[in-house]
């Protein structure tokens, strides 16, 4: 059974940090490009960052460059999103996504809430 389980969300003050984790099971993790998306209230889901199978390439949205860093540990079937200098506009549900590097089959996690507020 395929599962993506996110954790690490919560309430943080502006300027604070959080580290999200997403642990996968039920598929060959290293065959999948991994991504973080987020969806704020009344907004469309947007790509935050992605990382290739063996971490050769990472891409980050312009809105988070210099503040967020995505990484992966294939030995632990886990991806991370280190989020620094969080701002209120970063408030959203953050979702983990796995997409097969050839056939394009994709899976989603259930999401984790990040709220940035004073």
C-alpha atoms as a PDB file:
ATOM      1  CA  UNK A   1       0.000   0.000   0.000  1.00  0.00           C
ATOM      2  CA  UNK A   2       1.420   3.336  -1.095  1.00  0.00           C
ATOM      3  CA  UNK A   3       1.698   5.937   1.622  1.00  0.00           C
ATOM      4  CA  UNK A   4       3.194   9.398   1.924  1.00  0.00           C
ATOM      5  CA  UNK A   5       3.074  10.705   5.471  1.00  0.00           C
ATOM      6  CA  UNK A   6       3.954  14.332   6.151  1.00  0.00           C
ATOM      7  CA  UNK A   7       4.891  15.700   9.543  1.00  0.00           C
ATOM      8  CA  UNK A   8       6.488  18.749  11.120  1.00  0.00           C
ATOM      9  CA  UNK A   9       3.867  21.390  10.493  1.00  0.00           C
ATOM     10  CA  UNK A  10       2.583  23.730  13.151  1.00  0.00           C
ATOM     11  CA  UNK A  11       2.222  27.309  14.327  1.00  0.00           C
ATOM     12  CA  UNK A  12       5.283  29.544  14.190  1.00  0.00           C
ATOM     13  CA  UNK A  13       5.939  33.250  14.519  1.00  0.00           C
ATOM     14  CA  UNK A  14       7.178  35.312  11.578  1.00  0.00           C
ATOM     15  CA  UNK A  15      10.903  34.819  11.150  1.00  0.00           C
ATOM     16  CA  UNK A  16      10.758  31.361  12.654  1.00  0.00           C
ATOM     17  CA  UNK A  17      11.667  27.985  11.198  1.00  0.00           C
ATOM     18  CA  UNK A  18      10.074  24.599  10.661  1.00  0.00           C
ATOM     19  CA  UNK A  19      11.289  21.373   9.120  1.00  0.00           C
ATOM     20  CA  UNK A  20       8.753  19.273   7.269  1.00  0.00           C
ATOM     21  CA  UNK A  21       9.293  15.564   6.648  1.00  0.00           C
ATOM     22  CA  UNK A  22       7.578  13.172   4.267  1.00  0.00           C
ATOM     23  CA  UNK A  23       8.153   9.463   4.661  1.00  0.00           C
ATOM     24  CA  UNK A  24       7.185   7.120   1.853  1.00  0.00           C
ATOM     25  CA  UNK A  25       6.277   3.459   1.786  1.00  0.00           C
ATOM     26  CA  UNK A  26       4.840   0.968  -0.663  1.00  0.00           C
ATOM     27  CA  UNK A  27       6.942   1.904  -3.701  1.00  0.00           C
ATOM     28  CA  UNK A  28      10.562   2.170  -4.807  1.00  0.00           C
ATOM     29  CA  UNK A  29      11.402   5.595  -3.472  1.00  0.00           C
ATOM     30  CA  UNK A  30      14.469   6.214  -5.619  1.00  0.00           C
ATOM     31  CA  UNK A  31      12.393   5.835  -8.799  1.00  0.00           C
ATOM     32  CA  UNK A  32      10.396   8.923  -7.948  1.00  0.00           C
ATOM     33  CA  UNK A  33      10.966  12.622  -8.307  1.00  0.00           C
ATOM     34  CA  UNK A  34       9.735  14.183  -5.097  1.00  0.00           C
ATOM     35  CA  UNK A  35       8.041  17.533  -4.672  1.00  0.00           C
ATOM     36  CA  UNK A  36       6.517  19.773  -2.048  1.00  0.00           C
ATOM     37  CA  UNK A  37       3.382  21.725  -2.932  1.00  0.00           C
ATOM     38  CA  UNK A  38       1.310  24.082  -0.848  1.00  0.00           C
ATOM     39  CA  UNK A  39      -2.213  25.381  -0.934  1.00  0.00           C
ATOM     40  CA  UNK A  40      -3.326  28.477   0.908  1.00  0.00           C
ATOM     41  CA  UNK A  41      -7.008  29.189   1.617  1.00  0.00           C
ATOM     42  CA  UNK A  42      -8.884  30.117  -1.552  1.00  0.00           C
ATOM     43  CA  UNK A  43      -5.770  29.747  -3.676  1.00  0.00           C
ATOM     44  CA  UNK A  44      -4.621  27.109  -6.120  1.00  0.00           C
ATOM     45  CA  UNK A  45      -2.084  24.507  -5.150  1.00  0.00           C
ATOM     46  CA  UNK A  46       1.416  25.644  -6.094  1.00  0.00           C
ATOM     47  CA  UNK A  47       4.776  23.945  -6.454  1.00  0.00           C
ATOM     48  CA  UNK A  48       7.210  24.892  -3.708  1.00  0.00           C
ATOM     49  CA  UNK A  49      10.205  22.706  -4.535  1.00  0.00           C
ATOM     50  CA  UNK A  50      11.216  19.465  -6.161  1.00  0.00           C
ATOM     51  CA  UNK A  51      14.222  17.187  -6.161  1.00  0.00           C
ATOM     52  CA  UNK A  52      15.433  14.577  -8.600  1.00  0.00           C
ATOM     53  CA  UNK A  53      15.884  10.933  -7.756  1.00  0.00           C
ATOM     54  CA  UNK A  54      19.430  11.088  -6.424  1.00  0.00           C
ATOM     55  CA  UNK A  55      19.427  14.733  -5.348  1.00  0.00           C
ATOM     56  CA  UNK A  56      21.368  15.914  -8.384  1.00  0.00           C
ATOM     57  CA  UNK A  57      18.950  18.764  -9.017  1.00  0.00           C
ATOM     58  CA  UNK A  58      16.643  20.733  -6.772  1.00  0.00           C
ATOM     59  CA  UNK A  59      14.327  23.518  -7.826  1.00  0.00           C
ATOM     60  CA  UNK A  60      12.662  26.043  -5.573  1.00  0.00           C
ATOM     61  CA  UNK A  61       9.900  28.503  -6.348  1.00  0.00           C
ATOM     62  CA  UNK A  62      11.042  32.101  -6.537  1.00  0.00           C
ATOM     63  CA  UNK A  63       8.882  32.946  -3.537  1.00  0.00           C
ATOM     64  CA  UNK A  64      10.884  30.622  -1.277  1.00  0.00           C
ATOM     65  CA  UNK A  65      14.389  30.775  -2.749  1.00  0.00           C
ATOM     66  CA  UNK A  66      16.979  31.545  -0.133  1.00  0.00           C
ATOM     67  CA  UNK A  67      14.583  30.596   2.674  1.00  0.00           C
ATOM     68  CA  UNK A  68      13.482  27.010   1.978  1.00  0.00           C
ATOM     69  CA  UNK A  69      15.675  24.021   1.182  1.00  0.00           C
ATOM     70  CA  UNK A  70      14.451  20.650  -0.012  1.00  0.00           C
ATOM     71  CA  UNK A  71      16.495  17.493   0.484  1.00  0.00           C
ATOM     72  CA  UNK A  72      16.007  13.733   0.439  1.00  0.00           C
ATOM     73  CA  UNK A  73      17.454  10.657   2.098  1.00  0.00           C
ATOM     74  CA  UNK A  74      16.829   7.609  -0.074  1.00  0.00           C
ATOM     75  CA  UNK A  75      18.046   5.289   2.685  1.00  0.00           C
ATOM     76  CA  UNK A  76      15.205   6.533   4.881  1.00  0.00           C
ATOM     77  CA  UNK A  77      12.608   6.965   2.094  1.00  0.00           C
ATOM     78  CA  UNK A  78      12.170  10.500   3.311  1.00  0.00           C
ATOM     79  CA  UNK A  79      12.210  14.015   1.928  1.00  0.00           C
ATOM     80  CA  UNK A  80      12.552  17.171   3.942  1.00  0.00           C
ATOM     81  CA  UNK A  81      11.685  20.823   3.560  1.00  0.00           C
ATOM     82  CA  UNK A  82      13.691  23.121   5.799  1.00  0.00           C
ATOM     83  CA  UNK A  83      11.809  26.389   6.044  1.00  0.00           C
ATOM     84  CA  UNK A  84      13.556  29.426   7.498  1.00  0.00           C
ATOM     85  CA  UNK A  85      12.461  33.030   7.916  1.00  0.00           C
ATOM     86  CA  UNK A  86       8.830  32.025   7.588  1.00  0.00           C
ATOM     87  CA  UNK A  87       6.352  34.739   6.721  1.00  0.00           C
ATOM     88  CA  UNK A  88       2.563  34.963   7.022  1.00  0.00           C
ATOM     89  CA  UNK A  89       2.235  34.398   3.277  1.00  0.00           C
ATOM     90  CA  UNK A  90       3.786  30.966   3.769  1.00  0.00           C
ATOM     91  CA  UNK A  91       0.694  29.866   5.672  1.00  0.00           C
ATOM     92  CA  UNK A  92      -0.781  26.909   3.816  1.00  0.00           C
ATOM     93  CA  UNK A  93      -1.283  23.182   3.830  1.00  0.00           C
ATOM     94  CA  UNK A  94       1.922  21.591   2.573  1.00  0.00           C
ATOM     95  CA  UNK A  95       1.673  18.421   0.517  1.00  0.00           C
ATOM     96  CA  UNK A  96       4.258  15.864  -0.443  1.00  0.00           C
ATOM     97  CA  UNK A  97       4.127  14.465  -3.988  1.00  0.00           C
ATOM     98  CA  UNK A  98       5.905  11.516  -5.603  1.00  0.00           C
ATOM     99  CA  UNK A  99       6.049  11.173  -9.395  1.00  0.00           C
ATOM    100  CA  UNK A 100       7.618   8.218 -11.215  1.00  0.00           C
ATOM    101  CA  UNK A 101      10.526   9.368 -13.333  1.00  0.00           C
ATOM    102  CA  UNK A 102       9.331   7.420 -16.421  1.00  0.00           C
ATOM    103  CA  UNK A 103       5.640   6.559 -16.359  1.00  0.00           C
ATOM    104  CA  UNK A 104       4.533   9.643 -14.469  1.00  0.00           C
ATOM    105  CA  UNK A 105       2.338   7.875 -11.932  1.00  0.00           C
ATOM    106  CA  UNK A 106       1.921  10.197  -8.964  1.00  0.00           C
ATOM    107  CA  UNK A 107       0.978   9.948  -5.309  1.00  0.00           C
ATOM    108  CA  UNK A 108       0.027  12.574  -2.737  1.00  0.00           C
ATOM    109  CA  UNK A 109       0.287  12.787   1.008  1.00  0.00           C
ATOM    110  CA  UNK A 110      -2.537  14.000   3.221  1.00  0.00           C
ATOM    111  CA  UNK A 111      -0.895  17.356   3.926  1.00  0.00           C
ATOM    112  CA  UNK A 112       0.419  19.153   6.985  1.00  0.00           C
ATOM    113  CA  UNK A 113      -0.723  22.592   8.114  1.00  0.00           C
ATOM    114  CA  UNK A 114       1.811  25.397   8.466  1.00  0.00           C
ATOM    115  CA  UNK A 115       0.576  28.594  10.075  1.00  0.00           C
ATOM    116  CA  UNK A 116       2.781  31.659  10.410  1.00  0.00           C
ATOM    117  CA  UNK A 117       1.311  34.219  12.744  1.00  0.00           C
ATOM    118  CA  UNK A 118       2.248  36.465  15.625  1.00  0.00           C
END
